[in-house]
């Protein structure tokens, strides 16, 4: 995760209540990069995050198939930017 945050880190991360986001290691990483966590404590808000995750996963697996590689670090940035631009219609 630190490799991803080297170039640019978000100021706020919207998360669900998954254990992967609530542990000492993740908290240290968020503190190091001055990222604030916002948790969704309702089912409705969690749906937004889950939909984003599904869209990102679909894009990544398309790239894996195209490239014939599962090197997710090299494609994550472009997949995220593409997803964000489409969702915000910039």
N, C-alpha and C. Protein backbone atom coordinates (compact mmCIF):
# COMPACT_ATOMS: atom_id res chain seq x y z
N UNK A 1 0.82 -1.20 0.00
CA UNK A 1 0.00 0.00 0.00
C UNK A 1 0.86 1.25 0.00
N UNK A 2 1.99 1.24 0.71
CA UNK A 2 2.83 2.43 0.74
C UNK A 2 3.35 2.78 -0.64
N UNK A 3 3.57 1.76 -1.50
CA UNK A 3 4.05 2.02 -2.87
C UNK A 3 3.01 2.82 -3.65
N UNK A 4 1.77 2.57 -3.39
CA UNK A 4 0.69 3.27 -4.09
C UNK A 4 0.63 4.73 -3.63
N UNK A 5 0.88 4.97 -2.37
CA UNK A 5 0.71 6.31 -1.80
C UNK A 5 1.92 7.22 -1.99
N UNK A 6 2.98 6.73 -2.59
CA UNK A 6 4.20 7.53 -2.76
C UNK A 6 3.93 8.75 -3.62
N UNK A 7 3.31 8.57 -4.79
CA UNK A 7 3.10 9.68 -5.71
C UNK A 7 2.03 10.65 -5.24
N UNK A 8 0.92 10.10 -4.77
CA UNK A 8 -0.18 10.97 -4.37
C UNK A 8 -1.08 10.21 -3.41
N UNK A 9 -1.45 10.85 -2.32
CA UNK A 9 -2.30 10.20 -1.32
C UNK A 9 -3.57 11.01 -1.13
N UNK A 10 -4.70 10.34 -0.92
CA UNK A 10 -5.94 11.07 -0.67
C UNK A 10 -5.93 11.70 0.72
N UNK A 11 -6.77 12.70 0.91
CA UNK A 11 -6.89 13.32 2.23
C UNK A 11 -7.90 12.56 3.09
N UNK A 12 -8.88 11.97 2.44
CA UNK A 12 -9.95 11.26 3.14
C UNK A 12 -10.24 9.96 2.41
N UNK A 13 -10.42 8.91 3.17
CA UNK A 13 -10.75 7.61 2.61
C UNK A 13 -12.09 7.16 3.18
N UNK A 14 -13.03 6.87 2.31
CA UNK A 14 -14.33 6.37 2.75
C UNK A 14 -14.26 4.85 2.76
N UNK A 15 -14.50 4.25 3.91
CA UNK A 15 -14.31 2.81 4.09
C UNK A 15 -15.57 2.16 4.63
N UNK A 16 -15.62 0.84 4.47
CA UNK A 16 -16.67 0.10 5.16
C UNK A 16 -16.09 -0.40 6.48
N UNK A 17 -16.80 -1.24 7.16
CA UNK A 17 -16.36 -1.68 8.49
C UNK A 17 -15.49 -2.94 8.45
N UNK A 18 -14.85 -3.19 7.32
CA UNK A 18 -14.03 -4.39 7.19
C UNK A 18 -12.82 -4.38 8.12
N UNK A 19 -12.44 -5.57 8.56
CA UNK A 19 -11.31 -5.71 9.47
C UNK A 19 -10.00 -5.27 8.83
N UNK A 20 -9.94 -5.33 7.49
CA UNK A 20 -8.71 -4.92 6.81
C UNK A 20 -8.41 -3.43 7.00
N UNK A 21 -9.43 -2.64 7.38
CA UNK A 21 -9.24 -1.21 7.58
C UNK A 21 -9.10 -0.84 9.05
N UNK A 22 -9.38 -1.76 9.94
CA UNK A 22 -9.34 -1.46 11.37
C UNK A 22 -8.33 -2.36 12.06
N UNK A 23 -7.08 -1.98 11.92
CA UNK A 23 -5.99 -2.69 12.57
C UNK A 23 -4.83 -1.73 12.74
N UNK A 24 -3.88 -2.08 13.55
CA UNK A 24 -2.76 -1.20 13.89
C UNK A 24 -1.93 -0.84 12.67
N UNK A 25 -1.65 -1.80 11.81
CA UNK A 25 -0.82 -1.53 10.63
C UNK A 25 -1.48 -0.51 9.70
N UNK A 26 -2.77 -0.66 9.44
CA UNK A 26 -3.47 0.27 8.57
C UNK A 26 -3.55 1.65 9.21
N UNK A 27 -3.79 1.70 10.52
CA UNK A 27 -3.83 2.98 11.23
C UNK A 27 -2.49 3.71 11.15
N UNK A 28 -1.40 2.98 11.29
CA UNK A 28 -0.07 3.60 11.18
C UNK A 28 0.16 4.16 9.78
N UNK A 29 -0.26 3.43 8.77
CA UNK A 29 -0.11 3.88 7.39
C UNK A 29 -0.93 5.14 7.15
N UNK A 30 -2.15 5.17 7.65
CA UNK A 30 -3.00 6.36 7.48
C UNK A 30 -2.39 7.56 8.20
N UNK A 31 -1.84 7.33 9.37
CA UNK A 31 -1.20 8.41 10.13
C UNK A 31 0.03 8.93 9.39
N UNK A 32 0.83 8.02 8.86
CA UNK A 32 2.06 8.39 8.14
C UNK A 32 1.77 9.31 6.96
N UNK A 33 0.69 9.03 6.22
CA UNK A 33 0.35 9.81 5.04
C UNK A 33 -0.72 10.86 5.30
N UNK A 34 -1.06 11.07 6.57
CA UNK A 34 -2.04 12.09 6.99
C UNK A 34 -3.38 11.91 6.27
N UNK A 35 -3.83 10.68 6.24
CA UNK A 35 -5.10 10.35 5.61
C UNK A 35 -6.13 10.10 6.70
N UNK A 36 -7.27 10.76 6.57
CA UNK A 36 -8.36 10.58 7.53
C UNK A 36 -9.29 9.49 7.01
N UNK A 37 -9.75 8.66 7.92
CA UNK A 37 -10.68 7.59 7.57
C UNK A 37 -12.10 8.01 7.92
N UNK A 38 -13.00 7.68 7.03
CA UNK A 38 -14.43 7.90 7.29
C UNK A 38 -15.12 6.56 7.07
N UNK A 39 -15.78 6.09 8.08
CA UNK A 39 -16.43 4.79 7.98
C UNK A 39 -17.91 4.94 7.74
N UNK A 40 -18.42 4.03 6.96
CA UNK A 40 -19.85 4.00 6.69
C UNK A 40 -20.48 2.98 7.62
N UNK A 41 -21.32 3.46 8.50
CA UNK A 41 -21.93 2.58 9.49
C UNK A 41 -23.36 2.20 9.13
N UNK A 42 -23.76 2.48 7.90
CA UNK A 42 -25.09 2.04 7.48
C UNK A 42 -24.95 1.19 6.23
N UNK A 43 -25.91 0.35 6.01
CA UNK A 43 -25.89 -0.54 4.85
C UNK A 43 -25.94 0.27 3.56
N UNK A 44 -26.73 1.34 3.54
CA UNK A 44 -26.89 2.14 2.34
C UNK A 44 -25.57 2.77 1.92
N UNK A 45 -24.85 3.38 2.85
CA UNK A 45 -23.58 4.02 2.52
C UNK A 45 -22.54 2.99 2.13
N UNK A 46 -22.56 1.84 2.75
CA UNK A 46 -21.60 0.79 2.41
C UNK A 46 -21.79 0.32 0.97
N UNK A 47 -23.00 0.41 0.45
CA UNK A 47 -23.27 0.01 -0.93
C UNK A 47 -22.45 0.82 -1.92
N UNK A 48 -22.27 2.10 -1.64
CA UNK A 48 -21.49 2.97 -2.53
C UNK A 48 -20.05 2.48 -2.61
N UNK A 49 -19.48 2.18 -1.47
CA UNK A 49 -18.10 1.70 -1.41
C UNK A 49 -17.99 0.34 -2.10
N UNK A 50 -18.93 -0.54 -1.84
CA UNK A 50 -18.89 -1.87 -2.44
C UNK A 50 -19.03 -1.79 -3.96
N UNK A 51 -19.84 -0.87 -4.45
CA UNK A 51 -19.99 -0.70 -5.91
C UNK A 51 -18.69 -0.19 -6.51
N UNK A 52 -18.05 0.76 -5.85
CA UNK A 52 -16.77 1.26 -6.34
C UNK A 52 -15.75 0.13 -6.39
N UNK A 53 -15.70 -0.66 -5.32
CA UNK A 53 -14.77 -1.79 -5.27
C UNK A 53 -15.02 -2.77 -6.41
N UNK A 54 -16.29 -3.05 -6.69
CA UNK A 54 -16.62 -3.98 -7.76
C UNK A 54 -16.18 -3.43 -9.12
N UNK A 55 -16.43 -2.14 -9.35
CA UNK A 55 -16.03 -1.51 -10.61
C UNK A 55 -14.52 -1.55 -10.78
N UNK A 56 -13.81 -1.21 -9.72
CA UNK A 56 -12.34 -1.23 -9.77
C UNK A 56 -11.83 -2.64 -10.05
N UNK A 57 -12.40 -3.61 -9.38
CA UNK A 57 -11.98 -5.01 -9.56
C UNK A 57 -12.22 -5.45 -11.01
N UNK A 58 -13.36 -5.09 -11.58
CA UNK A 58 -13.66 -5.45 -12.97
C UNK A 58 -12.63 -4.85 -13.92
N UNK A 59 -12.29 -3.58 -13.72
CA UNK A 59 -11.30 -2.92 -14.58
C UNK A 59 -9.94 -3.57 -14.44
N UNK A 60 -9.57 -3.89 -13.22
CA UNK A 60 -8.26 -4.51 -13.00
C UNK A 60 -8.19 -5.89 -13.66
N UNK A 61 -9.24 -6.68 -13.55
CA UNK A 61 -9.21 -8.01 -14.16
C UNK A 61 -9.21 -7.95 -15.68
N UNK A 62 -9.85 -6.92 -16.26
CA UNK A 62 -9.76 -6.73 -17.71
C UNK A 62 -8.32 -6.45 -18.12
N UNK A 63 -7.64 -5.59 -17.33
CA UNK A 63 -6.24 -5.29 -17.61
C UNK A 63 -5.35 -6.51 -17.43
N UNK A 64 -5.61 -7.30 -16.40
CA UNK A 64 -4.84 -8.53 -16.18
C UNK A 64 -4.94 -9.44 -17.41
N UNK A 65 -6.15 -9.58 -17.93
CA UNK A 65 -6.36 -10.43 -19.10
C UNK A 65 -5.65 -9.86 -20.32
N UNK A 66 -5.77 -8.56 -20.53
CA UNK A 66 -5.13 -7.91 -21.68
C UNK A 66 -3.62 -8.05 -21.62
N UNK A 67 -3.04 -7.80 -20.46
CA UNK A 67 -1.58 -7.82 -20.31
C UNK A 67 -1.01 -9.21 -20.06
N UNK A 68 -1.85 -10.13 -19.65
CA UNK A 68 -1.36 -11.47 -19.33
C UNK A 68 -0.52 -11.49 -18.07
N UNK A 69 -0.81 -10.56 -17.17
CA UNK A 69 -0.05 -10.44 -15.93
C UNK A 69 -0.98 -9.98 -14.81
N UNK A 70 -0.67 -10.38 -13.59
CA UNK A 70 -1.44 -9.93 -12.42
C UNK A 70 -0.66 -8.89 -11.62
N UNK A 71 0.17 -8.10 -12.29
CA UNK A 71 0.94 -7.05 -11.62
C UNK A 71 0.01 -5.86 -11.38
N UNK A 72 -0.69 -5.89 -10.25
CA UNK A 72 -1.72 -4.89 -9.97
C UNK A 72 -1.16 -3.52 -9.62
N UNK A 73 0.05 -3.47 -9.09
CA UNK A 73 0.62 -2.17 -8.71
C UNK A 73 0.83 -1.28 -9.93
N UNK A 74 1.26 -1.87 -11.04
CA UNK A 74 1.53 -1.07 -12.24
C UNK A 74 0.26 -0.53 -12.90
N UNK A 75 -0.89 -1.15 -12.66
CA UNK A 75 -2.12 -0.70 -13.33
C UNK A 75 -3.10 0.01 -12.39
N UNK A 76 -2.87 -0.05 -11.10
CA UNK A 76 -3.84 0.49 -10.15
C UNK A 76 -4.10 1.97 -10.36
N UNK A 77 -3.05 2.74 -10.54
CA UNK A 77 -3.20 4.19 -10.69
C UNK A 77 -4.09 4.53 -11.88
N UNK A 78 -3.83 3.93 -13.04
CA UNK A 78 -4.64 4.25 -14.22
C UNK A 78 -6.08 3.76 -14.05
N UNK A 79 -6.27 2.60 -13.42
CA UNK A 79 -7.63 2.10 -13.19
C UNK A 79 -8.39 3.03 -12.24
N UNK A 80 -7.72 3.50 -11.20
CA UNK A 80 -8.37 4.40 -10.25
C UNK A 80 -8.73 5.72 -10.90
N UNK A 81 -7.80 6.30 -11.64
CA UNK A 81 -8.08 7.59 -12.29
C UNK A 81 -9.23 7.44 -13.28
N UNK A 82 -9.24 6.38 -14.04
CA UNK A 82 -10.30 6.14 -15.00
C UNK A 82 -11.64 6.00 -14.29
N UNK A 83 -11.68 5.30 -13.18
CA UNK A 83 -12.91 5.10 -12.42
C UNK A 83 -13.39 6.42 -11.82
N UNK A 84 -12.48 7.19 -11.24
CA UNK A 84 -12.84 8.46 -10.60
C UNK A 84 -13.37 9.44 -11.63
N UNK A 85 -12.69 9.54 -12.77
CA UNK A 85 -13.12 10.48 -13.81
C UNK A 85 -14.50 10.10 -14.33
N UNK A 86 -14.75 8.82 -14.55
CA UNK A 86 -16.06 8.40 -15.04
C UNK A 86 -17.15 8.65 -14.00
N UNK A 87 -16.84 8.44 -12.73
CA UNK A 87 -17.85 8.62 -11.68
C UNK A 87 -18.16 10.08 -11.42
N UNK A 88 -17.17 10.96 -11.56
CA UNK A 88 -17.39 12.37 -11.28
C UNK A 88 -17.68 13.17 -12.54
N UNK A 89 -17.52 12.53 -13.70
CA UNK A 89 -17.76 13.16 -15.00
C UNK A 89 -16.95 14.43 -15.17
N UNK A 90 -15.65 14.37 -14.86
CA UNK A 90 -14.76 15.52 -15.04
C UNK A 90 -14.45 15.74 -16.49
